[in-house]
Amino acid sequence: MYAKETAYKFLSYKPRTQKEVEEKLRQKGFAHDVISKAVEDIKRYGFINDLEYARNFVLNKSKSKSLGKVALKQALLLKGIPLETIEQVIAERENLIDETEVAFELAQKKLKLLKSSKKKKRSESELKRKIYEFLTRRGFTWETINHVIGKIFDDSELYI
């Protein structure tokens, strides 16, 4: 009973994945069978739902931080979301959000910042490299980045 109360309290602050709840209960010293029983009970009542968690996570991160699907996938894997669920949620995201457009907007902002920097004048190849690195860190695929760079610099060469 105490394990469920601990889990409910942990869930009261914000939504959590099954893995996060299990880890919290393990840290509190509960036995494996007690953790399993508590988590199953809580899941039955709908307080833990990894699919809904993943959907909300992807939607929020896509809008607020403008992360690409590679970064989203990695973050969800670290939170213990099953790969099949991640693939499903990312496929749903592709129907709602145009990743190329998100990357394009981010790249334009980054280019503006790079050009306005008073430190030094950068060559076009250096600007392309900086944008490539920036978008890679944000988790966009090579194909998306290449398309965006080609669009921004108005050419169709392959970069990097």
N, C-alpha and C. Protein backbone atom coordinates (compact mmCIF):
# COMPACT_ATOMS: atom_id res chain seq x y z
N MET A 1 0.81 -1.19 0.00
CA MET A 1 0.00 0.00 0.00
C MET A 1 0.86 1.26 0.00
N TYR A 2 1.91 1.24 0.79
CA TYR A 2 2.78 2.42 0.90
C TYR A 2 3.47 2.71 -0.44
N ALA A 3 3.77 1.66 -1.21
CA ALA A 3 4.42 1.85 -2.51
C ALA A 3 3.49 2.62 -3.46
N LYS A 4 2.20 2.28 -3.45
CA LYS A 4 1.24 2.99 -4.31
C LYS A 4 1.12 4.45 -3.89
N GLU A 5 1.07 4.70 -2.60
CA GLU A 5 0.98 6.08 -2.11
C GLU A 5 2.21 6.88 -2.54
N THR A 6 3.38 6.26 -2.44
CA THR A 6 4.61 6.92 -2.87
C THR A 6 4.56 7.22 -4.37
N ALA A 7 4.08 6.27 -5.14
CA ALA A 7 3.98 6.45 -6.59
C ALA A 7 2.97 7.54 -6.94
N TYR A 8 1.82 7.54 -6.27
CA TYR A 8 0.81 8.57 -6.53
C TYR A 8 1.36 9.96 -6.21
N LYS A 9 2.07 10.06 -5.12
CA LYS A 9 2.66 11.36 -4.76
C LYS A 9 3.66 11.79 -5.83
N PHE A 10 4.49 10.87 -6.29
CA PHE A 10 5.47 11.16 -7.34
C PHE A 10 4.77 11.60 -8.63
N LEU A 11 3.65 10.97 -8.95
CA LEU A 11 2.89 11.30 -10.16
C LEU A 11 2.10 12.60 -10.02
N SER A 12 1.88 13.05 -8.80
CA SER A 12 1.07 14.25 -8.60
C SER A 12 1.74 15.53 -9.08
N TYR A 13 3.05 15.51 -9.19
CA TYR A 13 3.78 16.71 -9.62
C TYR A 13 3.71 16.92 -11.12
N LYS A 14 3.84 15.82 -11.86
CA LYS A 14 3.78 15.88 -13.33
C LYS A 14 3.65 14.46 -13.86
N PRO A 15 3.23 14.29 -15.10
CA PRO A 15 3.13 12.95 -15.68
C PRO A 15 4.52 12.28 -15.73
N ARG A 16 4.53 10.99 -15.55
CA ARG A 16 5.78 10.22 -15.56
C ARG A 16 5.59 8.96 -16.39
N THR A 17 6.71 8.41 -16.83
CA THR A 17 6.67 7.13 -17.54
C THR A 17 6.70 6.00 -16.53
N GLN A 18 6.37 4.82 -17.01
CA GLN A 18 6.41 3.64 -16.14
C GLN A 18 7.81 3.44 -15.59
N LYS A 19 8.81 3.61 -16.43
CA LYS A 19 10.20 3.44 -16.00
C LYS A 19 10.56 4.42 -14.89
N GLU A 20 10.13 5.68 -15.02
CA GLU A 20 10.43 6.68 -14.01
C GLU A 20 9.81 6.32 -12.66
N VAL A 21 8.58 5.84 -12.69
CA VAL A 21 7.90 5.45 -11.45
C VAL A 21 8.60 4.25 -10.83
N GLU A 22 8.92 3.26 -11.66
CA GLU A 22 9.62 2.07 -11.15
C GLU A 22 10.96 2.44 -10.53
N GLU A 23 11.70 3.33 -11.19
CA GLU A 23 13.00 3.75 -10.64
C GLU A 23 12.84 4.48 -9.32
N LYS A 24 11.83 5.32 -9.21
CA LYS A 24 11.58 6.06 -7.98
C LYS A 24 11.27 5.09 -6.83
N LEU A 25 10.42 4.11 -7.10
CA LEU A 25 10.08 3.14 -6.07
C LEU A 25 11.29 2.28 -5.69
N ARG A 26 12.12 1.95 -6.66
CA ARG A 26 13.35 1.19 -6.39
C ARG A 26 14.28 2.01 -5.49
N GLN A 27 14.39 3.32 -5.78
CA GLN A 27 15.22 4.20 -4.95
C GLN A 27 14.71 4.26 -3.52
N LYS A 28 13.41 4.15 -3.35
CA LYS A 28 12.80 4.20 -2.01
C LYS A 28 12.95 2.86 -1.28
N GLY A 29 13.50 1.85 -1.98
CA GLY A 29 13.79 0.58 -1.32
C GLY A 29 12.71 -0.47 -1.39
N PHE A 30 11.74 -0.32 -2.26
CA PHE A 30 10.68 -1.32 -2.37
C PHE A 30 11.17 -2.53 -3.15
N ALA A 31 10.63 -3.69 -2.83
CA ALA A 31 10.97 -4.94 -3.50
C ALA A 31 10.39 -4.95 -4.91
N HIS A 32 11.00 -5.75 -5.77
CA HIS A 32 10.60 -5.82 -7.18
C HIS A 32 9.12 -6.22 -7.33
N ASP A 33 8.67 -7.23 -6.57
CA ASP A 33 7.28 -7.68 -6.70
C ASP A 33 6.29 -6.62 -6.20
N VAL A 34 6.67 -5.86 -5.19
CA VAL A 34 5.82 -4.78 -4.68
C VAL A 34 5.72 -3.66 -5.72
N ILE A 35 6.85 -3.34 -6.35
CA ILE A 35 6.88 -2.31 -7.40
C ILE A 35 5.98 -2.72 -8.56
N SER A 36 6.14 -3.96 -9.01
CA SER A 36 5.34 -4.46 -10.14
C SER A 36 3.85 -4.37 -9.85
N LYS A 37 3.45 -4.80 -8.66
CA LYS A 37 2.03 -4.77 -8.28
C LYS A 37 1.51 -3.33 -8.22
N ALA A 38 2.28 -2.45 -7.59
CA ALA A 38 1.86 -1.05 -7.47
C ALA A 38 1.73 -0.39 -8.85
N VAL A 39 2.70 -0.61 -9.71
CA VAL A 39 2.68 -0.01 -11.05
C VAL A 39 1.52 -0.54 -11.87
N GLU A 40 1.26 -1.83 -11.80
CA GLU A 40 0.13 -2.40 -12.54
C GLU A 40 -1.19 -1.82 -12.06
N ASP A 41 -1.35 -1.67 -10.75
CA ASP A 41 -2.58 -1.07 -10.21
C ASP A 41 -2.75 0.37 -10.71
N ILE A 42 -1.67 1.12 -10.66
CA ILE A 42 -1.72 2.52 -11.08
C ILE A 42 -2.00 2.64 -12.58
N LYS A 43 -1.40 1.75 -13.36
CA LYS A 43 -1.65 1.75 -14.81
C LYS A 43 -3.12 1.43 -15.10
N ARG A 44 -3.68 0.52 -14.34
CA ARG A 44 -5.07 0.14 -14.55
C ARG A 44 -6.01 1.34 -14.38
N TYR A 45 -5.67 2.24 -13.49
CA TYR A 45 -6.48 3.44 -13.27
C TYR A 45 -6.12 4.58 -14.22
N GLY A 46 -5.13 4.36 -15.09
CA GLY A 46 -4.79 5.35 -16.11
C GLY A 46 -3.85 6.46 -15.69
N PHE A 47 -3.23 6.30 -14.53
CA PHE A 47 -2.30 7.34 -14.08
C PHE A 47 -0.93 7.22 -14.74
N ILE A 48 -0.63 6.05 -15.28
CA ILE A 48 0.60 5.85 -16.06
C ILE A 48 0.16 5.36 -17.43
N ASN A 49 0.51 6.12 -18.46
CA ASN A 49 0.17 5.75 -19.83
C ASN A 49 1.33 6.24 -20.70
N ASP A 50 2.24 5.33 -21.03
CA ASP A 50 3.43 5.71 -21.79
C ASP A 50 3.11 6.26 -23.17
N LEU A 51 2.06 5.76 -23.80
CA LEU A 51 1.69 6.26 -25.13
C LEU A 51 1.25 7.72 -25.04
N GLU A 52 0.38 8.04 -24.10
CA GLU A 52 -0.06 9.43 -23.94
C GLU A 52 1.09 10.34 -23.50
N TYR A 53 1.93 9.80 -22.62
CA TYR A 53 3.10 10.56 -22.18
C TYR A 53 3.97 10.92 -23.39
N ALA A 54 4.24 9.92 -24.23
CA ALA A 54 5.09 10.14 -25.42
C ALA A 54 4.45 11.15 -26.37
N ARG A 55 3.14 11.03 -26.58
CA ARG A 55 2.44 11.98 -27.46
C ARG A 55 2.58 13.41 -26.95
N ASN A 56 2.32 13.61 -25.67
CA ASN A 56 2.42 14.95 -25.08
C ASN A 56 3.86 15.46 -25.10
N PHE A 57 4.80 14.58 -24.80
CA PHE A 57 6.22 14.96 -24.80
C PHE A 57 6.64 15.44 -26.18
N VAL A 58 6.30 14.67 -27.20
CA VAL A 58 6.68 15.01 -28.57
C VAL A 58 6.01 16.32 -29.00
N LEU A 59 4.75 16.47 -28.71
CA LEU A 59 4.04 17.69 -29.08
C LEU A 59 4.64 18.92 -28.40
N ASN A 60 4.88 18.83 -27.10
CA ASN A 60 5.45 19.95 -26.36
C ASN A 60 6.86 20.30 -26.81
N LYS A 61 7.69 19.29 -26.98
CA LYS A 61 9.08 19.55 -27.39
C LYS A 61 9.15 20.03 -28.83
N SER A 62 8.27 19.54 -29.67
CA SER A 62 8.26 19.97 -31.06
C SER A 62 7.92 21.45 -31.17
N LYS A 63 6.98 21.89 -30.35
CA LYS A 63 6.55 23.29 -30.42
C LYS A 63 7.51 24.22 -29.69
N SER A 64 7.90 23.83 -28.49
CA SER A 64 8.68 24.76 -27.66
C SER A 64 10.16 24.81 -28.02
N LYS A 65 10.77 23.66 -28.18
CA LYS A 65 12.21 23.64 -28.42
C LYS A 65 12.57 23.37 -29.87
N SER A 66 11.59 23.02 -30.66
CA SER A 66 11.82 22.74 -32.06
C SER A 66 12.90 21.68 -32.25
N LEU A 67 12.69 20.54 -31.66
CA LEU A 67 13.62 19.43 -31.80
C LEU A 67 13.23 18.55 -32.97
N GLY A 68 14.22 17.95 -33.58
CA GLY A 68 13.98 17.02 -34.67
C GLY A 68 13.65 15.64 -34.14
N LYS A 69 13.27 14.75 -35.05
CA LYS A 69 12.82 13.43 -34.62
C LYS A 69 13.94 12.59 -34.02
N VAL A 70 15.17 12.80 -34.41
CA VAL A 70 16.27 12.03 -33.82
C VAL A 70 16.43 12.37 -32.35
N ALA A 71 16.40 13.65 -32.01
CA ALA A 71 16.51 14.08 -30.61
C ALA A 71 15.31 13.63 -29.80
N LEU A 72 14.12 13.70 -30.37
CA LEU A 72 12.91 13.26 -29.67
C LEU A 72 12.97 11.77 -29.37
N LYS A 73 13.40 11.00 -30.35
CA LYS A 73 13.50 9.55 -30.19
C LYS A 73 14.48 9.22 -29.06
N GLN A 74 15.62 9.87 -29.05
CA GLN A 74 16.64 9.63 -28.03
C GLN A 74 16.12 9.98 -26.64
N ALA A 75 15.45 11.11 -26.52
CA ALA A 75 14.91 11.54 -25.22
C ALA A 75 13.87 10.56 -24.69
N LEU A 76 13.02 10.06 -25.57
CA LEU A 76 11.99 9.11 -25.14
C LEU A 76 12.59 7.76 -24.78
N LEU A 77 13.61 7.35 -25.50
CA LEU A 77 14.29 6.09 -25.15
C LEU A 77 14.89 6.20 -23.74
N LEU A 78 15.48 7.34 -23.43
CA LEU A 78 16.06 7.54 -22.10
C LEU A 78 15.00 7.51 -21.01
N LYS A 79 13.78 7.88 -21.35
CA LYS A 79 12.69 7.88 -20.37
C LYS A 79 12.01 6.52 -20.26
N GLY A 80 12.50 5.55 -21.05
CA GLY A 80 11.98 4.19 -20.94
C GLY A 80 10.77 3.88 -21.79
N ILE A 81 10.48 4.71 -22.76
CA ILE A 81 9.34 4.46 -23.65
C ILE A 81 9.76 3.37 -24.66
N PRO A 82 8.91 2.37 -24.87
CA PRO A 82 9.23 1.32 -25.83
C PRO A 82 9.41 1.88 -27.25
N LEU A 83 10.31 1.27 -28.01
CA LEU A 83 10.64 1.73 -29.35
C LEU A 83 9.41 1.75 -30.27
N GLU A 84 8.53 0.75 -30.15
CA GLU A 84 7.34 0.71 -31.00
C GLU A 84 6.44 1.92 -30.74
N THR A 85 6.32 2.29 -29.47
CA THR A 85 5.51 3.45 -29.10
C THR A 85 6.14 4.72 -29.65
N ILE A 86 7.46 4.82 -29.56
CA ILE A 86 8.16 6.00 -30.07
C ILE A 86 7.95 6.13 -31.57
N GLU A 87 8.10 5.03 -32.29
CA GLU A 87 7.91 5.06 -33.74
C GLU A 87 6.49 5.50 -34.10
N GLN A 88 5.51 5.00 -33.37
CA GLN A 88 4.11 5.36 -33.61
C GLN A 88 3.88 6.86 -33.39
N VAL A 89 4.39 7.37 -32.29
CA VAL A 89 4.19 8.78 -31.94
C VAL A 89 4.92 9.69 -32.93
N ILE A 90 6.11 9.32 -33.33
CA ILE A 90 6.85 10.14 -34.29
C ILE A 90 6.16 10.12 -35.65
N ALA A 91 5.59 8.98 -36.03
CA ALA A 91 4.82 8.92 -37.29
C ALA A 91 3.60 9.83 -37.21
N GLU A 92 2.93 9.86 -36.06
CA GLU A 92 1.79 10.76 -35.87
C GLU A 92 2.24 12.20 -35.97
N ARG A 93 3.40 12.51 -35.41
CA ARG A 93 3.95 13.88 -35.43
C ARG A 93 4.20 14.34 -36.86
N GLU A 94 4.69 13.43 -37.69
CA GLU A 94 5.00 13.79 -39.08
C GLU A 94 3.75 14.21 -39.84
N ASN A 95 2.59 13.72 -39.41
CA ASN A 95 1.33 14.13 -40.04
C ASN A 95 0.89 15.51 -39.57
N LEU A 96 1.36 15.94 -38.41
CA LEU A 96 0.94 17.22 -37.84
C LEU A 96 1.95 18.35 -38.06
N ILE A 97 3.22 18.01 -38.02
CA ILE A 97 4.28 19.03 -38.04
C ILE A 97 5.22 18.75 -39.21
N ASP A 98 5.48 19.77 -40.01
CA ASP A 98 6.44 19.66 -41.10
C ASP A 98 7.83 19.94 -40.54
N GLU A 99 8.60 18.86 -40.35
CA GLU A 99 9.92 18.99 -39.74
C GLU A 99 10.85 19.87 -40.57
N THR A 100 10.73 19.81 -41.88
CA THR A 100 11.58 20.65 -42.73
C THR A 100 11.28 22.12 -42.49
N GLU A 101 10.02 22.45 -42.31
CA GLU A 101 9.64 23.85 -42.06
C GLU A 101 10.17 24.32 -40.71
N VAL A 102 10.09 23.46 -39.70
CA VAL A 102 10.62 23.80 -38.37
C VAL A 102 12.13 24.04 -38.47
N ALA A 103 12.82 23.13 -39.15
CA ALA A 103 14.27 23.26 -39.32
C ALA A 103 14.62 24.51 -40.12
N PHE A 104 13.82 24.81 -41.13
CA PHE A 104 14.06 25.99 -41.96
C PHE A 104 13.94 27.27 -41.12
N GLU A 105 12.90 27.36 -40.30
CA GLU A 105 12.72 28.55 -39.45
C GLU A 105 13.88 28.69 -38.45
N LEU A 106 14.28 27.57 -37.85
CA LEU A 106 15.41 27.62 -36.91
C LEU A 106 16.69 28.05 -37.61
N ALA A 107 16.91 27.50 -38.80
CA ALA A 107 18.12 27.83 -39.56
C ALA A 107 18.14 29.30 -39.95
N GLN A 108 17.01 29.85 -40.34
CA GLN A 108 16.95 31.28 -40.68
C GLN A 108 17.30 32.15 -39.47
N LYS A 109 16.77 31.79 -38.31
CA LYS A 109 17.08 32.55 -37.09
C LYS A 109 18.57 32.45 -36.77
N LYS A 110 19.12 31.25 -36.90
CA LYS A 110 20.54 31.04 -36.61
C LYS A 110 21.40 31.82 -37.60
N LEU A 111 21.03 31.82 -38.87
CA LEU A 111 21.77 32.55 -39.88
C LEU A 111 21.76 34.05 -39.58
N LYS A 112 20.62 34.54 -39.18
CA LYS A 112 20.51 35.96 -38.83
C LYS A 112 21.44 36.29 -37.66
N LEU A 113 21.46 35.43 -36.66
CA LEU A 113 22.37 35.63 -35.52
C LEU A 113 23.83 35.60 -35.94
N LEU A 114 24.17 34.64 -36.79
CA LEU A 114 25.55 34.51 -37.24
C LEU A 114 25.99 35.72 -38.07
N LYS A 115 25.10 36.21 -38.91
CA LYS A 115 25.44 37.36 -39.74
C LYS A 115 25.50 38.65 -38.94
N SER A 116 24.72 38.75 -37.87
CA SER A 116 24.72 39.97 -37.08
C SER A 116 25.87 40.01 -36.07
N SER A 117 26.56 38.90 -35.91
CA SER A 117 27.67 38.86 -34.98
C SER A 117 28.76 39.85 -35.42
N LYS A 118 29.20 40.67 -34.49
CA LYS A 118 30.19 41.69 -34.83
C LYS A 118 31.62 41.17 -34.68
N LYS A 119 31.76 39.93 -34.25
CA LYS A 119 33.09 39.38 -34.02
C LYS A 119 33.88 39.25 -35.32
N LYS A 120 33.25 38.64 -36.32
CA LYS A 120 33.97 38.49 -37.59
C LYS A 120 33.00 38.19 -38.72
N LYS A 121 33.45 38.44 -39.89
CA LYS A 121 32.69 38.14 -41.10
C LYS A 121 32.95 36.67 -41.44
N ARG A 122 31.88 35.91 -41.64
CA ARG A 122 32.02 34.49 -41.93
C ARG A 122 31.77 34.22 -43.42
N SER A 123 32.50 33.23 -43.94
CA SER A 123 32.31 32.83 -45.33
C SER A 123 31.02 32.01 -45.43
N GLU A 124 30.55 31.85 -46.65
CA GLU A 124 29.32 31.08 -46.85
C GLU A 124 29.50 29.65 -46.40
N SER A 125 30.66 29.05 -46.67
CA SER A 125 30.88 27.66 -46.26
C SER A 125 30.90 27.54 -44.73
N GLU A 126 31.44 28.55 -44.03
CA GLU A 126 31.43 28.52 -42.58
C GLU A 126 30.01 28.68 -42.03
N LEU A 127 29.22 29.52 -42.67
CA LEU A 127 27.82 29.69 -42.26
C LEU A 127 27.05 28.38 -42.44
N LYS A 128 27.28 27.72 -43.57
CA LYS A 128 26.63 26.44 -43.82
C LYS A 128 27.02 25.40 -42.77
N ARG A 129 28.30 25.36 -42.44
CA ARG A 129 28.78 24.41 -41.44
C ARG A 129 28.17 24.69 -40.07
N LYS A 130 28.10 25.96 -39.69
CA LYS A 130 27.53 26.34 -38.39
C LYS A 130 26.04 25.96 -38.32
N ILE A 131 25.32 26.19 -39.40
CA ILE A 131 23.90 25.84 -39.43
C ILE A 131 23.73 24.32 -39.39
N TYR A 132 24.58 23.62 -40.13
CA TYR A 132 24.54 22.16 -40.13
C TYR A 132 24.75 21.63 -38.71
N GLU A 133 25.76 22.13 -38.03
CA GLU A 133 26.06 21.69 -36.66
C GLU A 133 24.91 22.01 -35.71
N PHE A 134 24.34 23.21 -35.85
CA PHE A 134 23.23 23.64 -35.01
C PHE A 134 22.03 22.72 -35.18
N LEU A 135 21.65 22.45 -36.42
CA LEU A 135 20.49 21.60 -36.68
C LEU A 135 20.75 20.14 -36.30
N THR A 136 21.99 19.70 -36.42
CA THR A 136 22.34 18.35 -35.99
C THR A 136 22.15 18.21 -34.48
N ARG A 137 22.60 19.21 -33.73
CA ARG A 137 22.43 19.19 -32.27
C ARG A 137 20.95 19.20 -31.88
N ARG A 138 20.12 19.79 -32.72
CA ARG A 138 18.68 19.82 -32.45
C ARG A 138 17.97 18.54 -32.87
N GLY A 139 18.72 17.61 -33.47
CA GLY A 139 18.15 16.30 -33.77
C GLY A 139 17.47 16.15 -35.11
N PHE A 140 17.84 16.97 -36.08
CA PHE A 140 17.25 16.84 -37.41
C PHE A 140 18.10 15.88 -38.24
N THR A 141 17.46 15.20 -39.18
CA THR A 141 18.17 14.24 -40.02
C THR A 141 19.03 14.96 -41.06
N TRP A 142 20.00 14.23 -41.60
CA TRP A 142 20.89 14.80 -42.60
C TRP A 142 20.10 15.26 -43.82
N GLU A 143 19.11 14.48 -44.22
CA GLU A 143 18.31 14.83 -45.40
C GLU A 143 17.58 16.16 -45.19
N THR A 144 17.00 16.32 -44.02
CA THR A 144 16.28 17.56 -43.71
C THR A 144 17.25 18.73 -43.69
N ILE A 145 18.38 18.55 -43.03
CA ILE A 145 19.38 19.63 -42.93
C ILE A 145 19.88 20.02 -44.31
N ASN A 146 20.18 19.03 -45.13
CA ASN A 146 20.69 19.30 -46.48
C ASN A 146 19.66 20.08 -47.30
N HIS A 147 18.41 19.68 -47.18
CA HIS A 147 17.34 20.37 -47.91
C HIS A 147 17.23 21.83 -47.45
N VAL A 148 17.28 22.03 -46.14
CA VAL A 148 17.15 23.38 -45.58
C VAL A 148 18.32 24.26 -45.99
N ILE A 149 19.52 23.73 -45.91
CA ILE A 149 20.70 24.52 -46.30
C ILE A 149 20.62 24.88 -47.78
N GLY A 150 20.20 23.91 -48.60
CA GLY A 150 20.03 24.19 -50.03
C GLY A 150 19.00 25.27 -50.28
N LYS A 151 17.93 25.25 -49.50
CA LYS A 151 16.86 26.24 -49.64
C LYS A 151 17.32 27.63 -49.19
N ILE A 152 18.03 27.69 -48.09
CA ILE A 152 18.49 28.97 -47.56
C ILE A 152 19.53 29.62 -48.46
N PHE A 153 20.46 28.82 -48.93
CA PHE A 153 21.52 29.38 -49.75
C PHE A 153 21.19 29.28 -51.23
N ASP A 154 19.97 28.88 -51.53
CA ASP A 154 19.44 28.86 -52.89
C ASP A 154 20.32 28.10 -53.88
N ASP A 155 20.73 26.91 -53.46
CA ASP A 155 21.44 26.02 -54.38
C ASP A 155 21.13 24.59 -54.01
N SER A 156 21.56 23.68 -54.84
CA SER A 156 21.18 22.28 -54.61
C SER A 156 22.39 21.38 -54.39
N GLU A 157 23.53 21.93 -54.02
CA GLU A 157 24.70 21.11 -53.73
C GLU A 157 24.46 20.30 -52.47
N LEU A 158 25.19 19.20 -52.34
CA LEU A 158 25.16 18.43 -51.09
C LEU A 158 26.24 19.00 -50.18
N TYR A 159 25.94 19.12 -48.91
CA TYR A 159 26.87 19.75 -47.98
C TYR A 159 27.40 18.75 -46.97
N ILE A 160 28.54 19.07 -46.48
CA ILE A 160 29.24 18.38 -45.40
C ILE A 160 29.53 16.94 -45.73
